[in-house]
Amino acid sequence: MGFWKLVFWVAAAFNFAVGLPMLLAPEAMLAALGQPVPDDLLMTRLASLLIVVLGIGYGMVARDPTTNRPILWLGVLGKAPIPLLVWISGGAAALSSSAFILSLGDLAFAALFLLFLLTHRRPNLA
């Protein structure tokens, strides 16, 4: 289980590394990603807060993968479509953007989470 715990800790760190700067300094983070800064940053901050909260969830899974494995379904559903959403928002130009490259990390984590969920069934408690 050591490999999987490492994966979940890295996923938590990834979410914190993206979510916290975007939450605390959205203008700087968006500029670093080459993204336009909207006039109203509420949606950016809300999305960032959710990224951080999911990072906390991945940390919970890392501490106890068996008990907290259902949290990973949120990760699969939340992370898998991110590259598509980035591409839709920027068209072909998005494919070479740092935001798209970063989103491929989300896709990789979604695949790892799904692999864990499908190969590590929760023991029958009945």
N, C-alpha and C. Protein backbone atom coordinates (compact mmCIF):
# COMPACT_ATOMS: atom_id res chain seq x y z
N MET A 1 0.83 -1.21 0.00
CA MET A 1 0.00 0.00 0.00
C MET A 1 0.87 1.26 0.00
N GLY A 2 2.19 1.10 0.21
CA GLY A 2 3.09 2.25 0.27
C GLY A 2 3.07 3.09 -0.99
N PHE A 3 3.06 2.45 -2.17
CA PHE A 3 3.01 3.19 -3.42
C PHE A 3 1.75 4.04 -3.49
N TRP A 4 0.62 3.48 -3.13
CA TRP A 4 -0.64 4.19 -3.24
C TRP A 4 -0.72 5.36 -2.26
N LYS A 5 -0.21 5.16 -1.06
CA LYS A 5 -0.20 6.27 -0.10
C LYS A 5 0.63 7.42 -0.66
N LEU A 6 1.75 7.09 -1.29
CA LEU A 6 2.58 8.13 -1.91
C LEU A 6 1.81 8.86 -3.00
N VAL A 7 1.10 8.11 -3.84
CA VAL A 7 0.30 8.73 -4.90
C VAL A 7 -0.70 9.71 -4.31
N PHE A 8 -1.36 9.32 -3.23
CA PHE A 8 -2.39 10.19 -2.66
C PHE A 8 -1.78 11.41 -1.97
N TRP A 9 -0.61 11.25 -1.33
CA TRP A 9 0.07 12.41 -0.75
C TRP A 9 0.53 13.37 -1.85
N VAL A 10 1.03 12.84 -2.96
CA VAL A 10 1.45 13.69 -4.08
C VAL A 10 0.24 14.41 -4.67
N ALA A 11 -0.89 13.71 -4.78
CA ALA A 11 -2.12 14.35 -5.28
C ALA A 11 -2.54 15.49 -4.36
N ALA A 12 -2.46 15.27 -3.05
CA ALA A 12 -2.80 16.33 -2.09
C ALA A 12 -1.87 17.52 -2.28
N ALA A 13 -0.57 17.25 -2.38
CA ALA A 13 0.40 18.33 -2.57
C ALA A 13 0.16 19.07 -3.88
N PHE A 14 -0.17 18.34 -4.94
CA PHE A 14 -0.47 18.94 -6.24
C PHE A 14 -1.65 19.90 -6.11
N ASN A 15 -2.70 19.46 -5.43
CA ASN A 15 -3.86 20.33 -5.26
C ASN A 15 -3.53 21.56 -4.43
N PHE A 16 -2.74 21.38 -3.38
CA PHE A 16 -2.35 22.53 -2.56
C PHE A 16 -1.46 23.48 -3.36
N ALA A 17 -0.54 22.94 -4.16
CA ALA A 17 0.37 23.77 -4.94
C ALA A 17 -0.37 24.61 -5.99
N VAL A 18 -1.46 24.09 -6.50
CA VAL A 18 -2.26 24.83 -7.47
C VAL A 18 -3.32 25.69 -6.77
N GLY A 19 -4.02 25.10 -5.82
CA GLY A 19 -5.17 25.76 -5.21
C GLY A 19 -4.83 26.91 -4.28
N LEU A 20 -3.82 26.74 -3.43
CA LEU A 20 -3.51 27.80 -2.47
C LEU A 20 -3.03 29.09 -3.13
N PRO A 21 -2.07 29.03 -4.06
CA PRO A 21 -1.67 30.28 -4.72
C PRO A 21 -2.82 30.94 -5.49
N MET A 22 -3.66 30.11 -6.11
CA MET A 22 -4.78 30.66 -6.87
C MET A 22 -5.81 31.28 -5.92
N LEU A 23 -5.96 30.72 -4.75
CA LEU A 23 -6.89 31.25 -3.76
C LEU A 23 -6.36 32.54 -3.14
N LEU A 24 -5.07 32.55 -2.81
CA LEU A 24 -4.48 33.68 -2.09
C LEU A 24 -3.99 34.80 -3.00
N ALA A 25 -3.55 34.46 -4.21
CA ALA A 25 -3.02 35.46 -5.15
C ALA A 25 -3.45 35.09 -6.57
N PRO A 26 -4.75 35.16 -6.85
CA PRO A 26 -5.23 34.68 -8.15
C PRO A 26 -4.65 35.43 -9.34
N GLU A 27 -4.45 36.72 -9.21
CA GLU A 27 -3.92 37.49 -10.35
C GLU A 27 -2.53 36.97 -10.73
N ALA A 28 -1.68 36.76 -9.75
CA ALA A 28 -0.32 36.29 -10.01
C ALA A 28 -0.32 34.88 -10.58
N MET A 29 -1.16 34.01 -10.04
CA MET A 29 -1.20 32.63 -10.52
C MET A 29 -1.72 32.56 -11.95
N LEU A 30 -2.78 33.30 -12.25
CA LEU A 30 -3.32 33.30 -13.61
C LEU A 30 -2.30 33.86 -14.59
N ALA A 31 -1.59 34.91 -14.19
CA ALA A 31 -0.55 35.47 -15.06
C ALA A 31 0.56 34.46 -15.30
N ALA A 32 0.94 33.72 -14.25
CA ALA A 32 1.99 32.71 -14.40
C ALA A 32 1.57 31.60 -15.34
N LEU A 33 0.27 31.32 -15.39
CA LEU A 33 -0.25 30.29 -16.29
C LEU A 33 -0.57 30.83 -17.68
N GLY A 34 -0.35 32.14 -17.87
CA GLY A 34 -0.65 32.75 -19.17
C GLY A 34 -2.13 32.89 -19.45
N GLN A 35 -2.92 32.95 -18.39
CA GLN A 35 -4.37 33.05 -18.52
C GLN A 35 -4.82 34.48 -18.25
N PRO A 36 -5.88 34.92 -18.91
CA PRO A 36 -6.38 36.28 -18.64
C PRO A 36 -6.96 36.36 -17.23
N VAL A 37 -6.82 37.54 -16.63
CA VAL A 37 -7.36 37.76 -15.29
C VAL A 37 -8.75 38.38 -15.45
N PRO A 38 -9.78 37.69 -14.97
CA PRO A 38 -11.13 38.24 -15.10
C PRO A 38 -11.33 39.44 -14.17
N ASP A 39 -12.33 40.25 -14.50
CA ASP A 39 -12.65 41.40 -13.66
C ASP A 39 -13.12 40.96 -12.28
N ASP A 40 -13.89 39.89 -12.26
CA ASP A 40 -14.41 39.36 -11.00
C ASP A 40 -13.73 38.02 -10.72
N LEU A 41 -13.03 37.94 -9.61
CA LEU A 41 -12.26 36.74 -9.28
C LEU A 41 -13.01 35.76 -8.39
N LEU A 42 -14.31 36.00 -8.18
CA LEU A 42 -15.07 35.13 -7.30
C LEU A 42 -15.03 33.68 -7.76
N MET A 43 -15.30 33.43 -9.03
CA MET A 43 -15.32 32.05 -9.53
C MET A 43 -13.94 31.40 -9.45
N THR A 44 -12.91 32.17 -9.70
CA THR A 44 -11.54 31.66 -9.58
C THR A 44 -11.26 31.25 -8.14
N ARG A 45 -11.66 32.10 -7.21
CA ARG A 45 -11.43 31.79 -5.80
C ARG A 45 -12.29 30.61 -5.33
N LEU A 46 -13.52 30.53 -5.80
CA LEU A 46 -14.37 29.38 -5.43
C LEU A 46 -13.77 28.07 -5.96
N ALA A 47 -13.33 28.08 -7.21
CA ALA A 47 -12.71 26.89 -7.78
C ALA A 47 -11.44 26.53 -7.01
N SER A 48 -10.68 27.53 -6.64
CA SER A 48 -9.45 27.30 -5.88
C SER A 48 -9.75 26.70 -4.52
N LEU A 49 -10.78 27.19 -3.87
CA LEU A 49 -11.16 26.63 -2.57
C LEU A 49 -11.53 25.15 -2.71
N LEU A 50 -12.27 24.82 -3.75
CA LEU A 50 -12.63 23.42 -3.97
C LEU A 50 -11.41 22.55 -4.26
N ILE A 51 -10.44 23.11 -4.98
CA ILE A 51 -9.20 22.38 -5.25
C ILE A 51 -8.48 22.07 -3.94
N VAL A 52 -8.41 23.06 -3.06
CA VAL A 52 -7.75 22.87 -1.76
C VAL A 52 -8.53 21.85 -0.92
N VAL A 53 -9.85 21.96 -0.90
CA VAL A 53 -10.66 21.02 -0.11
C VAL A 53 -10.47 19.59 -0.62
N LEU A 54 -10.43 19.40 -1.94
CA LEU A 54 -10.17 18.06 -2.48
C LEU A 54 -8.77 17.59 -2.10
N GLY A 55 -7.82 18.51 -2.04
CA GLY A 55 -6.47 18.15 -1.59
C GLY A 55 -6.50 17.61 -0.16
N ILE A 56 -7.31 18.22 0.69
CA ILE A 56 -7.47 17.71 2.05
C ILE A 56 -8.05 16.29 1.99
N GLY A 57 -9.01 16.07 1.10
CA GLY A 57 -9.59 14.73 0.94
C GLY A 57 -8.55 13.71 0.50
N TYR A 58 -7.66 14.09 -0.42
CA TYR A 58 -6.63 13.15 -0.87
C TYR A 58 -5.66 12.85 0.27
N GLY A 59 -5.41 13.83 1.12
CA GLY A 59 -4.60 13.59 2.31
C GLY A 59 -5.27 12.61 3.25
N MET A 60 -6.59 12.73 3.37
CA MET A 60 -7.34 11.78 4.20
C MET A 60 -7.22 10.37 3.62
N VAL A 61 -7.29 10.25 2.30
CA VAL A 61 -7.15 8.94 1.66
C VAL A 61 -5.73 8.40 1.90
N ALA A 62 -4.73 9.27 1.81
CA ALA A 62 -3.35 8.84 2.03
C ALA A 62 -3.17 8.28 3.44
N ARG A 63 -3.84 8.85 4.42
CA ARG A 63 -3.72 8.38 5.80
C ARG A 63 -4.41 7.04 6.01
N ASP A 64 -5.54 6.83 5.32
CA ASP A 64 -6.29 5.58 5.48
C ASP A 64 -7.01 5.24 4.18
N PRO A 65 -6.28 4.65 3.22
CA PRO A 65 -6.86 4.39 1.91
C PRO A 65 -8.08 3.48 1.92
N THR A 66 -8.13 2.52 2.82
CA THR A 66 -9.26 1.58 2.84
C THR A 66 -10.54 2.28 3.28
N THR A 67 -10.48 2.99 4.37
CA THR A 67 -11.67 3.66 4.90
C THR A 67 -12.12 4.82 4.02
N ASN A 68 -11.17 5.58 3.51
CA ASN A 68 -11.51 6.83 2.80
C ASN A 68 -11.51 6.70 1.28
N ARG A 69 -11.47 5.49 0.77
CA ARG A 69 -11.41 5.29 -0.68
C ARG A 69 -12.55 5.93 -1.46
N PRO A 70 -13.79 6.02 -0.92
CA PRO A 70 -14.85 6.65 -1.71
C PRO A 70 -14.57 8.11 -2.08
N ILE A 71 -13.73 8.79 -1.32
CA ILE A 71 -13.36 10.17 -1.66
C ILE A 71 -12.75 10.22 -3.06
N LEU A 72 -12.08 9.14 -3.45
CA LEU A 72 -11.41 9.12 -4.75
C LEU A 72 -12.37 9.23 -5.92
N TRP A 73 -13.63 8.80 -5.73
CA TRP A 73 -14.61 8.97 -6.81
C TRP A 73 -14.80 10.44 -7.14
N LEU A 74 -14.73 11.30 -6.13
CA LEU A 74 -14.81 12.74 -6.38
C LEU A 74 -13.62 13.20 -7.21
N GLY A 75 -12.46 12.63 -6.92
CA GLY A 75 -11.27 12.95 -7.70
C GLY A 75 -11.37 12.50 -9.14
N VAL A 76 -11.89 11.30 -9.36
CA VAL A 76 -12.05 10.80 -10.73
C VAL A 76 -13.01 11.70 -11.51
N LEU A 77 -14.15 11.99 -10.90
CA LEU A 77 -15.16 12.82 -11.58
C LEU A 77 -14.72 14.27 -11.75
N GLY A 78 -13.95 14.77 -10.79
CA GLY A 78 -13.52 16.16 -10.86
C GLY A 78 -12.29 16.40 -11.71
N LYS A 79 -11.38 15.43 -11.75
CA LYS A 79 -10.12 15.64 -12.46
C LYS A 79 -10.15 15.19 -13.92
N ALA A 80 -10.85 14.12 -14.22
CA ALA A 80 -10.82 13.56 -15.58
C ALA A 80 -11.21 14.57 -16.67
N PRO A 81 -12.26 15.37 -16.48
CA PRO A 81 -12.65 16.27 -17.57
C PRO A 81 -11.87 17.58 -17.65
N ILE A 82 -10.93 17.82 -16.75
CA ILE A 82 -10.26 19.13 -16.73
C ILE A 82 -9.52 19.44 -18.03
N PRO A 83 -8.73 18.52 -18.62
CA PRO A 83 -8.07 18.87 -19.89
C PRO A 83 -9.08 19.25 -20.99
N LEU A 84 -10.19 18.55 -21.04
CA LEU A 84 -11.22 18.88 -22.03
C LEU A 84 -11.78 20.28 -21.78
N LEU A 85 -12.04 20.62 -20.55
CA LEU A 85 -12.56 21.95 -20.23
C LEU A 85 -11.57 23.05 -20.57
N VAL A 86 -10.28 22.79 -20.30
CA VAL A 86 -9.26 23.78 -20.65
C VAL A 86 -9.20 23.94 -22.16
N TRP A 87 -9.27 22.84 -22.89
CA TRP A 87 -9.23 22.91 -24.35
C TRP A 87 -10.45 23.65 -24.90
N ILE A 88 -11.62 23.34 -24.36
CA ILE A 88 -12.85 24.03 -24.82
C ILE A 88 -12.74 25.52 -24.58
N SER A 89 -12.17 25.91 -23.46
CA SER A 89 -12.10 27.33 -23.14
C SER A 89 -11.08 28.08 -23.99
N GLY A 90 -10.07 27.38 -24.53
CA GLY A 90 -9.04 28.08 -25.28
C GLY A 90 -8.84 27.61 -26.70
N GLY A 91 -9.57 26.60 -27.12
CA GLY A 91 -9.40 26.10 -28.48
C GLY A 91 -8.03 25.47 -28.69
N ALA A 92 -7.60 25.45 -29.93
CA ALA A 92 -6.33 24.80 -30.28
C ALA A 92 -5.15 25.45 -29.58
N ALA A 93 -5.21 26.75 -29.34
CA ALA A 93 -4.11 27.44 -28.66
C ALA A 93 -3.92 26.93 -27.24
N ALA A 94 -4.97 26.43 -26.64
CA ALA A 94 -4.88 25.93 -25.26
C ALA A 94 -3.99 24.72 -25.16
N LEU A 95 -3.86 23.95 -26.25
CA LEU A 95 -3.10 22.70 -26.21
C LEU A 95 -1.63 22.92 -25.88
N SER A 96 -1.10 24.11 -26.18
CA SER A 96 0.30 24.38 -25.86
C SER A 96 0.44 25.27 -24.63
N SER A 97 -0.64 25.58 -23.98
CA SER A 97 -0.58 26.47 -22.82
C SER A 97 -0.13 25.72 -21.57
N SER A 98 0.42 26.47 -20.63
CA SER A 98 0.84 25.84 -19.37
C SER A 98 -0.37 25.34 -18.60
N ALA A 99 -1.52 25.98 -18.76
CA ALA A 99 -2.74 25.51 -18.08
C ALA A 99 -3.12 24.12 -18.59
N PHE A 100 -2.99 23.88 -19.89
CA PHE A 100 -3.33 22.57 -20.43
C PHE A 100 -2.32 21.52 -19.97
N ILE A 101 -1.04 21.88 -20.00
CA ILE A 101 -0.01 20.95 -19.54
C ILE A 101 -0.27 20.57 -18.08
N LEU A 102 -0.59 21.55 -17.25
CA LEU A 102 -0.91 21.29 -15.84
C LEU A 102 -2.14 20.40 -15.72
N SER A 103 -3.12 20.59 -16.60
CA SER A 103 -4.34 19.80 -16.53
C SER A 103 -4.09 18.33 -16.85
N LEU A 104 -3.03 18.03 -17.56
CA LEU A 104 -2.70 16.63 -17.84
C LEU A 104 -2.30 15.89 -16.55
N GLY A 105 -1.78 16.63 -15.58
CA GLY A 105 -1.52 16.05 -14.27
C GLY A 105 -2.81 15.59 -13.62
N ASP A 106 -3.86 16.40 -13.76
CA ASP A 106 -5.16 16.01 -13.23
C ASP A 106 -5.66 14.74 -13.90
N LEU A 107 -5.48 14.64 -15.19
CA LEU A 107 -5.91 13.44 -15.91
C LEU A 107 -5.13 12.21 -15.43
N ALA A 108 -3.84 12.38 -15.20
CA ALA A 108 -3.03 11.26 -14.71
C ALA A 108 -3.51 10.82 -13.32
N PHE A 109 -3.79 11.79 -12.44
CA PHE A 109 -4.29 11.42 -11.11
C PHE A 109 -5.65 10.73 -11.21
N ALA A 110 -6.52 11.21 -12.09
CA ALA A 110 -7.83 10.58 -12.26
C ALA A 110 -7.65 9.12 -12.67
N ALA A 111 -6.72 8.86 -13.58
CA ALA A 111 -6.47 7.49 -14.02
C ALA A 111 -5.92 6.63 -12.88
N LEU A 112 -5.00 7.19 -12.10
CA LEU A 112 -4.46 6.45 -10.96
C LEU A 112 -5.54 6.17 -9.91
N PHE A 113 -6.37 7.17 -9.65
CA PHE A 113 -7.46 6.97 -8.67
C PHE A 113 -8.39 5.86 -9.13
N LEU A 114 -8.75 5.89 -10.41
CA LEU A 114 -9.65 4.87 -10.94
C LEU A 114 -9.00 3.49 -10.86
N LEU A 115 -7.72 3.42 -11.20
CA LEU A 115 -7.01 2.15 -11.10
C LEU A 115 -7.04 1.62 -9.66
N PHE A 116 -6.80 2.49 -8.70
CA PHE A 116 -6.86 2.07 -7.29
C PHE A 116 -8.26 1.58 -6.93
N LEU A 117 -9.27 2.35 -7.32
CA LEU A 117 -10.65 1.97 -6.98
C LEU A 117 -11.05 0.63 -7.58
N LEU A 118 -10.58 0.35 -8.77
CA LEU A 118 -10.96 -0.90 -9.45
C LEU A 118 -10.14 -2.10 -8.98
N THR A 119 -8.96 -1.85 -8.44
CA THR A 119 -8.10 -2.97 -8.05
C THR A 119 -8.03 -3.19 -6.54
N HIS A 120 -8.53 -2.26 -5.76
CA HIS A 120 -8.50 -2.39 -4.30
C HIS A 120 -9.94 -2.25 -3.78
N ARG A 121 -10.64 -3.33 -3.86
CA ARG A 121 -12.03 -3.33 -3.39
C ARG A 121 -12.08 -3.19 -1.89
N ARG A 122 -13.10 -2.52 -1.41
CA ARG A 122 -13.29 -2.38 0.03
C ARG A 122 -13.67 -3.75 0.59
N PRO A 123 -13.03 -4.15 1.71
CA PRO A 123 -13.38 -5.46 2.27
C PRO A 123 -14.84 -5.52 2.71
N ASN A 124 -15.40 -6.69 2.59
CA ASN A 124 -16.79 -6.89 3.00
C ASN A 124 -16.87 -6.84 4.52
N LEU A 125 -17.65 -5.88 5.03
CA LEU A 125 -17.76 -5.69 6.47
C LEU A 125 -18.92 -6.45 7.08
N ALA A 126 -19.67 -7.17 6.27
CA ALA A 126 -20.85 -7.89 6.79
C ALA A 126 -20.48 -9.17 7.48
